[in-house]
């Protein structure tokens, strides 16, 4: 689910909900808007559109991610019996690869 990330002005209604300029334009509906490091996407339907912060919606299956990460650790240590530790870049790289190859881990 790769959607275009657009940068632009976000406005806020009286309830505090965010919406971008030209939010009525359909080409702005299937994208993510970035403003000041926060990301927003359209939720709802054609009649009741609201923009919600993306970080509030993402859920990661931590148990499955942990299981897949530990499988990676085991595979690496079996292939390289001298390997006793992992650096931050290796860990981030492994987790990123796991998430990219297993989109079922997050919703």
PDB file of N, CA and C in Angstrom:
ATOM      1  N   UNK A   1       0.838  -1.169   0.000  1.00  0.00           N
ATOM      2  CA  UNK A   1       0.000   0.000   0.000  1.00  0.00           C
ATOM      3  C   UNK A   1       0.888   1.239   0.000  1.00  0.00           C
ATOM      4  N   UNK A   2       1.519   1.533  -1.122  1.00  0.00           N
ATOM      5  CA  UNK A   2       2.327   2.730  -1.246  1.00  0.00           C
ATOM      6  C   UNK A   2       1.479   3.848  -1.809  1.00  0.00           C
ATOM      7  N   UNK A   3       1.253   4.847  -1.003  1.00  0.00           N
ATOM      8  CA  UNK A   3       0.478   5.989  -1.448  1.00  0.00           C
ATOM      9  C   UNK A   3       1.370   7.210  -1.468  1.00  0.00           C
ATOM     10  N   UNK A   4       1.053   8.120  -2.362  1.00  0.00           N
ATOM     11  CA  UNK A   4       1.808   9.358  -2.475  1.00  0.00           C
ATOM     12  C   UNK A   4       1.702  10.148  -1.167  1.00  0.00           C
ATOM     13  N   UNK A   5       2.826  10.705  -0.751  1.00  0.00           N
ATOM     14  CA  UNK A   5       2.822  11.591   0.408  1.00  0.00           C
ATOM     15  C   UNK A   5       2.925  13.014  -0.113  1.00  0.00           C
ATOM     16  N   UNK A   6       1.920  13.817   0.205  1.00  0.00           N
ATOM     17  CA  UNK A   6       1.888  15.206  -0.230  1.00  0.00           C
ATOM     18  C   UNK A   6       2.171  16.099   0.958  1.00  0.00           C
ATOM     19  N   UNK A   7       2.894  17.163   0.692  1.00  0.00           N
ATOM     20  CA  UNK A   7       3.144  18.162   1.729  1.00  0.00           C
ATOM     21  C   UNK A   7       2.271  19.359   1.415  1.00  0.00           C
ATOM     22  N   UNK A   8       1.691  19.914   2.425  1.00  0.00           N
ATOM     23  CA  UNK A   8       0.851  21.075   2.187  1.00  0.00           C
ATOM     24  C   UNK A   8       0.253  21.603   3.468  1.00  0.00           C
ATOM     25  N   UNK A   9      -0.540  22.605   3.296  1.00  0.00           N
ATOM     26  CA  UNK A   9      -1.189  23.244   4.422  1.00  0.00           C
ATOM     27  C   UNK A   9      -2.312  22.366   4.947  1.00  0.00           C
ATOM     28  N   UNK A  10      -2.386  22.205   6.238  1.00  0.00           N
ATOM     29  CA  UNK A  10      -3.508  21.522   6.861  1.00  0.00           C
ATOM     30  C   UNK A  10      -4.300  22.547   7.665  1.00  0.00           C
ATOM     31  N   UNK A  11      -5.595  22.501   7.496  1.00  0.00           N
ATOM     32  CA  UNK A  11      -6.494  23.362   8.252  1.00  0.00           C
ATOM     33  C   UNK A  11      -7.159  22.519   9.328  1.00  0.00           C
ATOM     34  N   UNK A  12      -7.763  23.156  10.281  1.00  0.00           N
ATOM     35  CA  UNK A  12      -8.428  22.442  11.370  1.00  0.00           C
ATOM     36  C   UNK A  12      -9.824  23.000  11.546  1.00  0.00           C
ATOM     37  N   UNK A  13     -10.809  22.084  11.718  1.00  0.00           N
ATOM     38  CA  UNK A  13     -12.174  22.545  11.954  1.00  0.00           C
ATOM     39  C   UNK A  13     -12.362  22.804  13.452  1.00  0.00           C
ATOM     40  N   UNK A  14     -13.582  23.138  13.840  1.00  0.00           N
ATOM     41  CA  UNK A  14     -13.844  23.495  15.236  1.00  0.00           C
ATOM     42  C   UNK A  14     -13.607  22.339  16.206  1.00  0.00           C
ATOM     43  N   UNK A  15     -13.730  21.103  15.711  1.00  0.00           N
ATOM     44  CA  UNK A  15     -13.518  19.946  16.588  1.00  0.00           C
ATOM     45  C   UNK A  15     -12.042  19.565  16.693  1.00  0.00           C
ATOM     46  N   UNK A  16     -11.178  20.237  15.903  1.00  0.00           N
ATOM     47  CA  UNK A  16      -9.753  19.934  15.933  1.00  0.00           C
ATOM     48  C   UNK A  16      -9.315  18.953  14.876  1.00  0.00           C
ATOM     49  N   UNK A  17     -10.241  18.490  14.020  1.00  0.00           N
ATOM     50  CA  UNK A  17      -9.891  17.566  12.937  1.00  0.00           C
ATOM     51  C   UNK A  17      -9.116  18.311  11.852  1.00  0.00           C
ATOM     52  N   UNK A  18      -8.101  17.654  11.310  1.00  0.00           N
ATOM     53  CA  UNK A  18      -7.266  18.244  10.264  1.00  0.00           C
ATOM     54  C   UNK A  18      -7.839  17.932   8.891  1.00  0.00           C
ATOM     55  N   UNK A  19      -7.651  18.850   7.959  1.00  0.00           N
ATOM     56  CA  UNK A  19      -7.969  18.596   6.556  1.00  0.00           C
ATOM     57  C   UNK A  19      -7.089  19.488   5.696  1.00  0.00           C
ATOM     58  N   UNK A  20      -6.649  18.977   4.521  1.00  0.00           N
ATOM     59  CA  UNK A  20      -5.749  19.759   3.663  1.00  0.00           C
ATOM     60  C   UNK A  20      -6.523  20.772   2.827  1.00  0.00           C
ATOM     61  N   UNK A  21      -5.801  21.737   2.281  1.00  0.00           N
ATOM     62  CA  UNK A  21      -6.405  22.625   1.290  1.00  0.00           C
ATOM     63  C   UNK A  21      -6.922  21.768   0.147  1.00  0.00           C
ATOM     64  N   UNK A  22      -7.989  22.190  -0.480  1.00  0.00           N
ATOM     65  CA  UNK A  22      -8.584  21.469  -1.620  1.00  0.00           C
ATOM     66  C   UNK A  22      -8.955  20.037  -1.259  1.00  0.00           C
ATOM     67  N   UNK A  23      -9.445  19.827  -0.053  1.00  0.00           N
ATOM     68  CA  UNK A  23      -9.786  18.474   0.382  1.00  0.00           C
ATOM     69  C   UNK A  23     -10.958  17.886  -0.390  1.00  0.00           C
ATOM     70  N   UNK A  24     -11.692  18.724  -1.111  1.00  0.00           N
ATOM     71  CA  UNK A  24     -12.812  18.212  -1.904  1.00  0.00           C
ATOM     72  C   UNK A  24     -12.356  17.583  -3.226  1.00  0.00           C
ATOM     73  N   UNK A  25     -11.110  17.801  -3.614  1.00  0.00           N
ATOM     74  CA  UNK A  25     -10.590  17.253  -4.872  1.00  0.00           C
ATOM     75  C   UNK A  25     -10.247  15.771  -4.689  1.00  0.00           C
ATOM     76  N   UNK A  26     -10.843  14.919  -5.533  1.00  0.00           N
ATOM     77  CA  UNK A  26     -10.669  13.468  -5.379  1.00  0.00           C
ATOM     78  C   UNK A  26      -9.216  13.014  -5.465  1.00  0.00           C
ATOM     79  N   UNK A  27      -8.363  13.715  -6.214  1.00  0.00           N
ATOM     80  CA  UNK A  27      -6.956  13.307  -6.300  1.00  0.00           C
ATOM     81  C   UNK A  27      -6.224  13.486  -4.965  1.00  0.00           C
ATOM     82  N   UNK A  28      -6.831  14.218  -4.039  1.00  0.00           N
ATOM     83  CA  UNK A  28      -6.243  14.378  -2.710  1.00  0.00           C
ATOM     84  C   UNK A  28      -6.754  13.335  -1.722  1.00  0.00           C
ATOM     85  N   UNK A  29      -7.649  12.467  -2.142  1.00  0.00           N
ATOM     86  CA  UNK A  29      -8.253  11.515  -1.224  1.00  0.00           C
ATOM     87  C   UNK A  29      -7.408  10.278  -0.987  1.00  0.00           C
ATOM     88  N   UNK A  30      -6.722   9.780  -2.002  1.00  0.00           N
ATOM     89  CA  UNK A  30      -5.973   8.533  -1.865  1.00  0.00           C
ATOM     90  C   UNK A  30      -4.482   8.814  -1.685  1.00  0.00           C
ATOM     91  N   UNK A  31      -4.180   9.671  -0.746  1.00  0.00           N
ATOM     92  CA  UNK A  31      -2.780   9.999  -0.454  1.00  0.00           C
ATOM     93  C   UNK A  31      -2.662  10.288   1.027  1.00  0.00           C
ATOM     94  N   UNK A  32      -1.460  10.495   1.444  1.00  0.00           N
ATOM     95  CA  UNK A  32      -1.177  10.850   2.833  1.00  0.00           C
ATOM     96  C   UNK A  32      -0.620  12.265   2.831  1.00  0.00           C
ATOM     97  N   UNK A  33      -1.073  13.068   3.757  1.00  0.00           N
ATOM     98  CA  UNK A  33      -0.607  14.448   3.864  1.00  0.00           C
ATOM     99  C   UNK A  33       0.361  14.573   5.021  1.00  0.00           C
ATOM    100  N   UNK A  34       1.461  15.297   4.782  1.00  0.00           N
ATOM    101  CA  UNK A  34       2.469  15.517   5.830  1.00  0.00           C
ATOM    102  C   UNK A  34       2.493  16.990   6.182  1.00  0.00           C
ATOM    103  N   UNK A  35       2.493  17.257   7.462  1.00  0.00           N
ATOM    104  CA  UNK A  35       2.605  18.632   7.963  1.00  0.00           C
ATOM    105  C   UNK A  35       3.345  18.579   9.286  1.00  0.00           C
ATOM    106  N   UNK A  36       4.467  19.271   9.356  1.00  0.00           N
ATOM    107  CA  UNK A  36       5.257  19.361  10.589  1.00  0.00           C
ATOM    108  C   UNK A  36       5.584  17.991  11.186  1.00  0.00           C
ATOM    109  N   UNK A  37       5.935  17.040  10.317  1.00  0.00           N
ATOM    110  CA  UNK A  37       6.338  15.730  10.791  1.00  0.00           C
ATOM    111  C   UNK A  37       5.201  14.798  11.170  1.00  0.00           C
ATOM    112  N   UNK A  38       3.949  15.225  10.995  1.00  0.00           N
ATOM    113  CA  UNK A  38       2.796  14.366  11.264  1.00  0.00           C
ATOM    114  C   UNK A  38       2.152  14.012   9.940  1.00  0.00           C
ATOM    115  N   UNK A  39       1.585  12.808   9.877  1.00  0.00           N
ATOM    116  CA  UNK A  39       0.997  12.304   8.642  1.00  0.00           C
ATOM    117  C   UNK A  39      -0.495  12.064   8.843  1.00  0.00           C
ATOM    118  N   UNK A  40      -1.281  12.436   7.826  1.00  0.00           N
ATOM    119  CA  UNK A  40      -2.729  12.331   7.900  1.00  0.00           C
ATOM    120  C   UNK A  40      -3.264  11.618   6.667  1.00  0.00           C
ATOM    121  N   UNK A  41      -4.337  10.839   6.843  1.00  0.00           N
ATOM    122  CA  UNK A  41      -4.995  10.178   5.728  1.00  0.00           C
ATOM    123  C   UNK A  41      -6.498  10.337   5.871  1.00  0.00           C
ATOM    124  N   UNK A  42      -7.182  10.161   4.755  1.00  0.00           N
ATOM    125  CA  UNK A  42      -8.630  10.290   4.725  1.00  0.00           C
ATOM    126  C   UNK A  42      -9.272   9.022   5.266  1.00  0.00           C
ATOM    127  N   UNK A  43     -10.214   9.186   6.171  1.00  0.00           N
ATOM    128  CA  UNK A  43     -11.019   8.072   6.671  1.00  0.00           C
ATOM    129  C   UNK A  43     -12.482   8.457   6.504  1.00  0.00           C
ATOM    130  N   UNK A  44     -13.351   7.497   6.515  1.00  0.00           N
ATOM    131  CA  UNK A  44     -14.774   7.770   6.337  1.00  0.00           C
ATOM    132  C   UNK A  44     -15.206   7.445   4.919  1.00  0.00           C
ATOM    133  N   UNK A  45     -16.283   8.093   4.475  1.00  0.00           N
ATOM    134  CA  UNK A  45     -16.817   7.848   3.138  1.00  0.00           C
ATOM    135  C   UNK A  45     -17.033   9.181   2.432  1.00  0.00           C
ATOM    136  N   UNK A  46     -17.638   9.130   1.242  1.00  0.00           N
ATOM    137  CA  UNK A  46     -17.834  10.351   0.453  1.00  0.00           C
ATOM    138  C   UNK A  46     -18.663  11.398   1.185  1.00  0.00           C
ATOM    139  N   UNK A  47     -19.571  10.965   2.016  1.00  0.00           N
ATOM    140  CA  UNK A  47     -20.451  11.900   2.725  1.00  0.00           C
ATOM    141  C   UNK A  47     -19.824  12.440   4.018  1.00  0.00           C
ATOM    142  N   UNK A  48     -19.002  11.645   4.652  1.00  0.00           N
ATOM    143  CA  UNK A  48     -18.434  12.016   5.954  1.00  0.00           C
ATOM    144  C   UNK A  48     -16.926  11.800   5.938  1.00  0.00           C
ATOM    145  N   UNK A  49     -16.210  12.700   5.296  1.00  0.00           N
ATOM    146  CA  UNK A  49     -14.750  12.588   5.192  1.00  0.00           C
ATOM    147  C   UNK A  49     -14.098  13.255   6.399  1.00  0.00           C
ATOM    148  N   UNK A  50     -13.114  12.571   6.948  1.00  0.00           N
ATOM    149  CA  UNK A  50     -12.308  13.145   8.019  1.00  0.00           C
ATOM    150  C   UNK A  50     -10.864  12.754   7.768  1.00  0.00           C
ATOM    151  N   UNK A  51      -9.962  13.589   8.184  1.00  0.00           N
ATOM    152  CA  UNK A  51      -8.530  13.309   8.066  1.00  0.00           C
ATOM    153  C   UNK A  51      -8.031  12.940   9.449  1.00  0.00           C
ATOM    154  N   UNK A  52      -7.378  11.797   9.527  1.00  0.00           N
ATOM    155  CA  UNK A  52      -6.930  11.278  10.803  1.00  0.00           C
ATOM    156  C   UNK A  52      -5.426  11.085  10.769  1.00  0.00           C
ATOM    157  N   UNK A  53      -4.787  11.338  11.895  1.00  0.00           N
ATOM    158  CA  UNK A  53      -3.345  11.154  11.963  1.00  0.00           C
ATOM    159  C   UNK A  53      -3.018   9.680  11.768  1.00  0.00           C
ATOM    160  N   UNK A  54      -2.125   9.396  10.840  1.00  0.00           N
ATOM    161  CA  UNK A  54      -1.796   8.019  10.470  1.00  0.00           C
ATOM    162  C   UNK A  54      -1.232   7.255  11.653  1.00  0.00           C
ATOM    163  N   UNK A  55      -0.370   7.869  12.441  1.00  0.00           N
ATOM    164  CA  UNK A  55       0.269   7.154  13.544  1.00  0.00           C
ATOM    165  C   UNK A  55      -0.748   6.649  14.556  1.00  0.00           C
ATOM    166  N   UNK A  56      -1.940   7.240  14.576  1.00  0.00           N
ATOM    167  CA  UNK A  56      -2.974   6.769  15.490  1.00  0.00           C
ATOM    168  C   UNK A  56      -3.621   5.478  15.007  1.00  0.00           C
ATOM    169  N   UNK A  57      -3.393   5.112  13.751  1.00  0.00           N
ATOM    170  CA  UNK A  57      -4.093   3.983  13.165  1.00  0.00           C
ATOM    171  C   UNK A  57      -3.219   2.748  12.979  1.00  0.00           C
ATOM    172  N   UNK A  58      -1.923   2.898  12.939  1.00  0.00           N
ATOM    173  CA  UNK A  58      -1.063   1.748  12.645  1.00  0.00           C
ATOM    174  C   UNK A  58      -0.924   0.850  13.871  1.00  0.00           C
ATOM    175  N   UNK A  59      -1.184  -0.419  13.659  1.00  0.00           N
ATOM    176  CA  UNK A  59      -1.021  -1.422  14.699  1.00  0.00           C
ATOM    177  C   UNK A  59      -0.059  -2.470  14.155  1.00  0.00           C
ATOM    178  N   UNK A  60       0.931  -2.806  14.945  1.00  0.00           N
ATOM    179  CA  UNK A  60       1.917  -3.818  14.537  1.00  0.00           C
ATOM    180  C   UNK A  60       1.746  -5.042  15.433  1.00  0.00           C
ATOM    181  N   UNK A  61       1.723  -6.202  14.806  1.00  0.00           N
ATOM    182  CA  UNK A  61       1.654  -7.455  15.548  1.00  0.00           C
ATOM    183  C   UNK A  61       3.045  -7.714  16.132  1.00  0.00           C
ATOM    184  N   UNK A  62       3.254  -7.285  17.351  1.00  0.00           N
ATOM    185  CA  UNK A  62       4.569  -7.353  17.983  1.00  0.00           C
ATOM    186  C   UNK A  62       5.050  -8.789  18.193  1.00  0.00           C
ATOM    187  N   UNK A  63       4.128  -9.681  18.564  1.00  0.00           N
ATOM    188  CA  UNK A  63       4.545 -11.066  18.807  1.00  0.00           C
ATOM    189  C   UNK A  63       5.072 -11.711  17.531  1.00  0.00           C
ATOM    190  N   UNK A  64       4.358 -11.500  16.420  1.00  0.00           N
ATOM    191  CA  UNK A  64       4.793 -12.080  15.144  1.00  0.00           C
ATOM    192  C   UNK A  64       6.087 -11.423  14.660  1.00  0.00           C
ATOM    193  N   UNK A  65       6.197 -10.106  14.839  1.00  0.00           N
ATOM    194  CA  UNK A  65       7.430  -9.408  14.468  1.00  0.00           C
ATOM    195  C   UNK A  65       8.604  -9.952  15.276  1.00  0.00           C
ATOM    196  N   UNK A  66       8.405 -10.136  16.576  1.00  0.00           N
ATOM    197  CA  UNK A  66       9.453 -10.678  17.436  1.00  0.00           C
ATOM    198  C   UNK A  66       9.858 -12.081  16.966  1.00  0.00           C
ATOM    199  N   UNK A  67       8.862 -12.922  16.647  1.00  0.00           N
ATOM    200  CA  UNK A  67       9.136 -14.278  16.181  1.00  0.00           C
ATOM    201  C   UNK A  67       9.978 -14.252  14.903  1.00  0.00           C
ATOM    202  N   UNK A  68       9.591 -13.415  13.949  1.00  0.00           N
ATOM    203  CA  UNK A  68      10.337 -13.329  12.692  1.00  0.00           C
ATOM    204  C   UNK A  68      11.730 -12.742  12.904  1.00  0.00           C
ATOM    205  N   UNK A  69      11.846 -11.785  13.806  1.00  0.00           N
ATOM    206  CA  UNK A  69      13.161 -11.206  14.113  1.00  0.00           C
ATOM    207  C   UNK A  69      14.080 -12.269  14.723  1.00  0.00           C
ATOM    208  N   UNK A  70      13.545 -13.034  15.662  1.00  0.00           N
ATOM    209  CA  UNK A  70      14.364 -14.067  16.298  1.00  0.00           C
ATOM    210  C   UNK A  70      14.743 -15.167  15.310  1.00  0.00           C
ATOM    211  N   UNK A  71      13.870 -15.443  14.339  1.00  0.00           N
ATOM    212  CA  UNK A  71      14.239 -16.389  13.277  1.00  0.00           C
ATOM    213  C   UNK A  71      15.408 -15.843  12.467  1.00  0.00           C
ATOM    214  N   UNK A  72      15.381 -14.534  12.201  1.00  0.00           N
ATOM    215  CA  UNK A  72      16.490 -13.901  11.474  1.00  0.00           C
ATOM    216  C   UNK A  72      17.777 -14.003  12.292  1.00  0.00           C
ATOM    217  N   UNK A  73      17.695 -13.695  13.590  1.00  0.00           N
ATOM    218  CA  UNK A  73      18.874 -13.778  14.464  1.00  0.00           C
ATOM    219  C   UNK A  73      19.439 -15.197  14.431  1.00  0.00           C
ATOM    220  N   UNK A  74      18.567 -16.177  14.560  1.00  0.00           N
ATOM    221  CA  UNK A  74      19.023 -17.573  14.558  1.00  0.00           C
ATOM    222  C   UNK A  74      19.681 -17.938  13.225  1.00  0.00           C
ATOM    223  N   UNK A  75      19.092 -17.511  12.129  1.00  0.00           N
ATOM    224  CA  UNK A  75      19.653 -17.800  10.802  1.00  0.00           C
ATOM    225  C   UNK A  75      21.040 -17.181  10.661  1.00  0.00           C
ATOM    226  N   UNK A  76      21.192 -15.927  11.073  1.00  0.00           N
ATOM    227  CA  UNK A  76      22.484 -15.252  10.951  1.00  0.00           C
ATOM    228  C   UNK A  76      23.523 -15.921  11.830  1.00  0.00           C
ATOM    229  N   UNK A  77      23.160 -16.251  13.058  1.00  0.00           N
ATOM    230  CA  UNK A  77      24.149 -16.859  13.964  1.00  0.00           C
ATOM    231  C   UNK A  77      24.516 -18.277  13.533  1.00  0.00           C
ATOM    232  N   UNK A  78      23.603 -18.978  12.850  1.00  0.00           N
ATOM    233  CA  UNK A  78      23.948 -20.302  12.318  1.00  0.00           C
ATOM    234  C   UNK A  78      24.907 -20.183  11.133  1.00  0.00           C
ATOM    235  N   UNK A  79      24.674 -19.168  10.286  1.00  0.00           N
ATOM    236  CA  UNK A  79      25.539 -18.971   9.123  1.00  0.00           C
ATOM    237  C   UNK A  79      26.907 -18.417   9.514  1.00  0.00           C
ATOM    238  N   UNK A  80      26.930 -17.628  10.563  1.00  0.00           N
ATOM    239  CA  UNK A  80      28.179 -16.985  11.018  1.00  0.00           C
ATOM    240  C   UNK A  80      28.353 -17.288  12.495  1.00  0.00           C
ATOM    241  N   UNK A  81      28.946 -18.430  12.817  1.00  0.00           N
ATOM    242  CA  UNK A  81      29.031 -18.838  14.221  1.00  0.00           C
ATOM    243  C   UNK A  81      29.883 -17.907  15.074  1.00  0.00           C
ATOM    244  N   UNK A  82      30.650 -17.039  14.439  1.00  0.00           N
ATOM    245  CA  UNK A  82      31.464 -16.066  15.180  1.00  0.00           C
ATOM    246  C   UNK A  82      30.645 -14.842  15.586  1.00  0.00           C
ATOM    247  N   UNK A  83      29.444 -14.692  15.039  1.00  0.00           N
ATOM    248  CA  UNK A  83      28.619 -13.498  15.281  1.00  0.00           C
ATOM    249  C   UNK A  83      27.996 -13.590  16.671  1.00  0.00           C
ATOM    250  N   UNK A  84      28.322 -12.618  17.540  1.00  0.00           N
ATOM    251  CA  UNK A  84      27.786 -12.630  18.909  1.00  0.00           C
ATOM    252  C   UNK A  84      26.962 -11.396  19.251  1.00  0.00           C
ATOM    253  N   UNK A  85      26.976 -10.403  18.364  1.00  0.00           N
ATOM    254  CA  UNK A  85      26.178  -9.199  18.646  1.00  0.00           C
ATOM    255  C   UNK A  85      25.792  -8.537  17.324  1.00  0.00           C
ATOM    256  N   UNK A  86      24.799  -7.664  17.400  1.00  0.00           N
ATOM    257  CA  UNK A  86      24.310  -6.934  16.235  1.00  0.00           C
ATOM    258  C   UNK A  86      24.328  -5.444  16.536  1.00  0.00           C
ATOM    259  N   UNK A  87      24.735  -4.658  15.562  1.00  0.00           N
ATOM    260  CA  UNK A  87      24.730  -3.213  15.707  1.00  0.00           C
ATOM    261  C   UNK A  87      23.357  -2.636  15.389  1.00  0.00           C
ATOM    262  N   UNK A  88      23.142  -1.373  15.758  1.00  0.00           N
ATOM    263  CA  UNK A  88      21.853  -0.720  15.518  1.00  0.00           C
ATOM    264  C   UNK A  88      21.426  -0.749  14.051  1.00  0.00           C
ATOM    265  N   UNK A  89      22.362  -0.522  13.131  1.00  0.00           N
ATOM    266  CA  UNK A  89      22.000  -0.520  11.707  1.00  0.00           C
ATOM    267  C   UNK A  89      21.551  -1.898  11.249  1.00  0.00           C
ATOM    268  N   UNK A  90      22.194  -2.943  11.742  1.00  0.00           N
ATOM    269  CA  UNK A  90      21.779  -4.310  11.390  1.00  0.00           C
ATOM    270  C   UNK A  90      20.380  -4.606  11.917  1.00  0.00           C
ATOM    271  N   UNK A  91      20.115  -4.192  13.154  1.00  0.00           N
ATOM    272  CA  UNK A  91      18.810  -4.451  13.761  1.00  0.00           C
ATOM    273  C   UNK A  91      17.713  -3.701  13.013  1.00  0.00           C
ATOM    274  N   UNK A  92      17.937  -2.423  12.755  1.00  0.00           N
ATOM    275  CA  UNK A  92      16.950  -1.631  12.019  1.00  0.00           C
ATOM    276  C   UNK A  92      16.749  -2.200  10.620  1.00  0.00           C
ATOM    277  N   UNK A  93      17.830  -2.573   9.967  1.00  0.00           N
ATOM    278  CA  UNK A  93      17.730  -3.164   8.645  1.00  0.00           C
ATOM    279  C   UNK A  93      16.928  -4.455   8.651  1.00  0.00           C
ATOM    280  N   UNK A  94      17.159  -5.295   9.638  1.00  0.00           N
ATOM    281  CA  UNK A  94      16.433  -6.568   9.731  1.00  0.00           C
ATOM    282  C   UNK A  94      14.945  -6.328   9.970  1.00  0.00           C
ATOM    283  N   UNK A  95      14.628  -5.442  10.892  1.00  0.00           N
ATOM    284  CA  UNK A  95      13.216  -5.159  11.190  1.00  0.00           C
ATOM    285  C   UNK A  95      12.532  -4.519   9.991  1.00  0.00           C
ATOM    286  N   UNK A  96      13.211  -3.615   9.316  1.00  0.00           N
ATOM    287  CA  UNK A  96      12.645  -2.990   8.113  1.00  0.00           C
ATOM    288  C   UNK A  96      12.360  -4.035   7.049  1.00  0.00           C
ATOM    289  N   UNK A  97      13.300  -4.922   6.801  1.00  0.00           N
ATOM    290  CA  UNK A  97      13.107  -5.984   5.807  1.00  0.00           C
ATOM    291  C   UNK A  97      11.942  -6.884   6.197  1.00  0.00           C
ATOM    292  N   UNK A  98      11.870  -7.243   7.461  1.00  0.00           N
ATOM    293  CA  UNK A  98      10.757  -8.090   7.932  1.00  0.00           C
ATOM    294  C   UNK A  98       9.424  -7.401   7.681  1.00  0.00           C
ATOM    295  N   UNK A  99       9.322  -6.120   8.035  1.00  0.00           N
ATOM    296  CA  UNK A  99       8.063  -5.393   7.838  1.00  0.00           C
ATOM    297  C   UNK A  99       7.726  -5.247   6.359  1.00  0.00           C
ATOM    298  N   UNK A 100       8.721  -4.947   5.536  1.00  0.00           N
ATOM    299  CA  UNK A 100       8.477  -4.805   4.092  1.00  0.00           C
ATOM    300  C   UNK A 100       8.025  -6.108   3.462  1.00  0.00           C
ATOM    301  N   UNK A 101       8.562  -7.238   3.935  1.00  0.00           N
ATOM    302  CA  UNK A 101       8.234  -8.538   3.350  1.00  0.00           C
ATOM    303  C   UNK A 101       7.006  -9.199   3.985  1.00  0.00           C
ATOM    304  N   UNK A 102       6.474  -8.606   5.034  1.00  0.00           N
ATOM    305  CA  UNK A 102       5.338  -9.187   5.759  1.00  0.00           C
ATOM    306  C   UNK A 102       4.307  -8.120   6.092  1.00  0.00           C
ATOM    307  N   UNK A 103       3.627  -7.571   5.082  1.00  0.00           N
ATOM    308  CA  UNK A 103       2.666  -6.492   5.343  1.00  0.00           C
ATOM    309  C   UNK A 103       1.505  -6.930   6.250  1.00  0.00           C
ATOM    310  N   UNK A 104       1.307  -8.240   6.416  1.00  0.00           N
ATOM    311  CA  UNK A 104       0.253  -8.691   7.317  1.00  0.00           C
ATOM    312  C   UNK A 104       0.560  -8.350   8.782  1.00  0.00           C
ATOM    313  N   UNK A 105       1.798  -7.950   9.074  1.00  0.00           N
ATOM    314  CA  UNK A 105       2.174  -7.625  10.456  1.00  0.00           C
ATOM    315  C   UNK A 105       1.589  -6.306  10.942  1.00  0.00           C
ATOM    316  N   UNK A 106       1.170  -5.470  10.017  1.00  0.00           N
ATOM    317  CA  UNK A 106       0.618  -4.176  10.423  1.00  0.00           C
ATOM    318  C   UNK A 106      -0.642  -3.871   9.644  1.00  0.00           C
ATOM    319  N   UNK A 107      -1.467  -3.051  10.271  1.00  0.00           N
ATOM    320  CA  UNK A 107      -2.721  -2.654   9.630  1.00  0.00           C
ATOM    321  C   UNK A 107      -2.878  -1.159   9.694  1.00  0.00           C
TER     322      UNK A 107
END
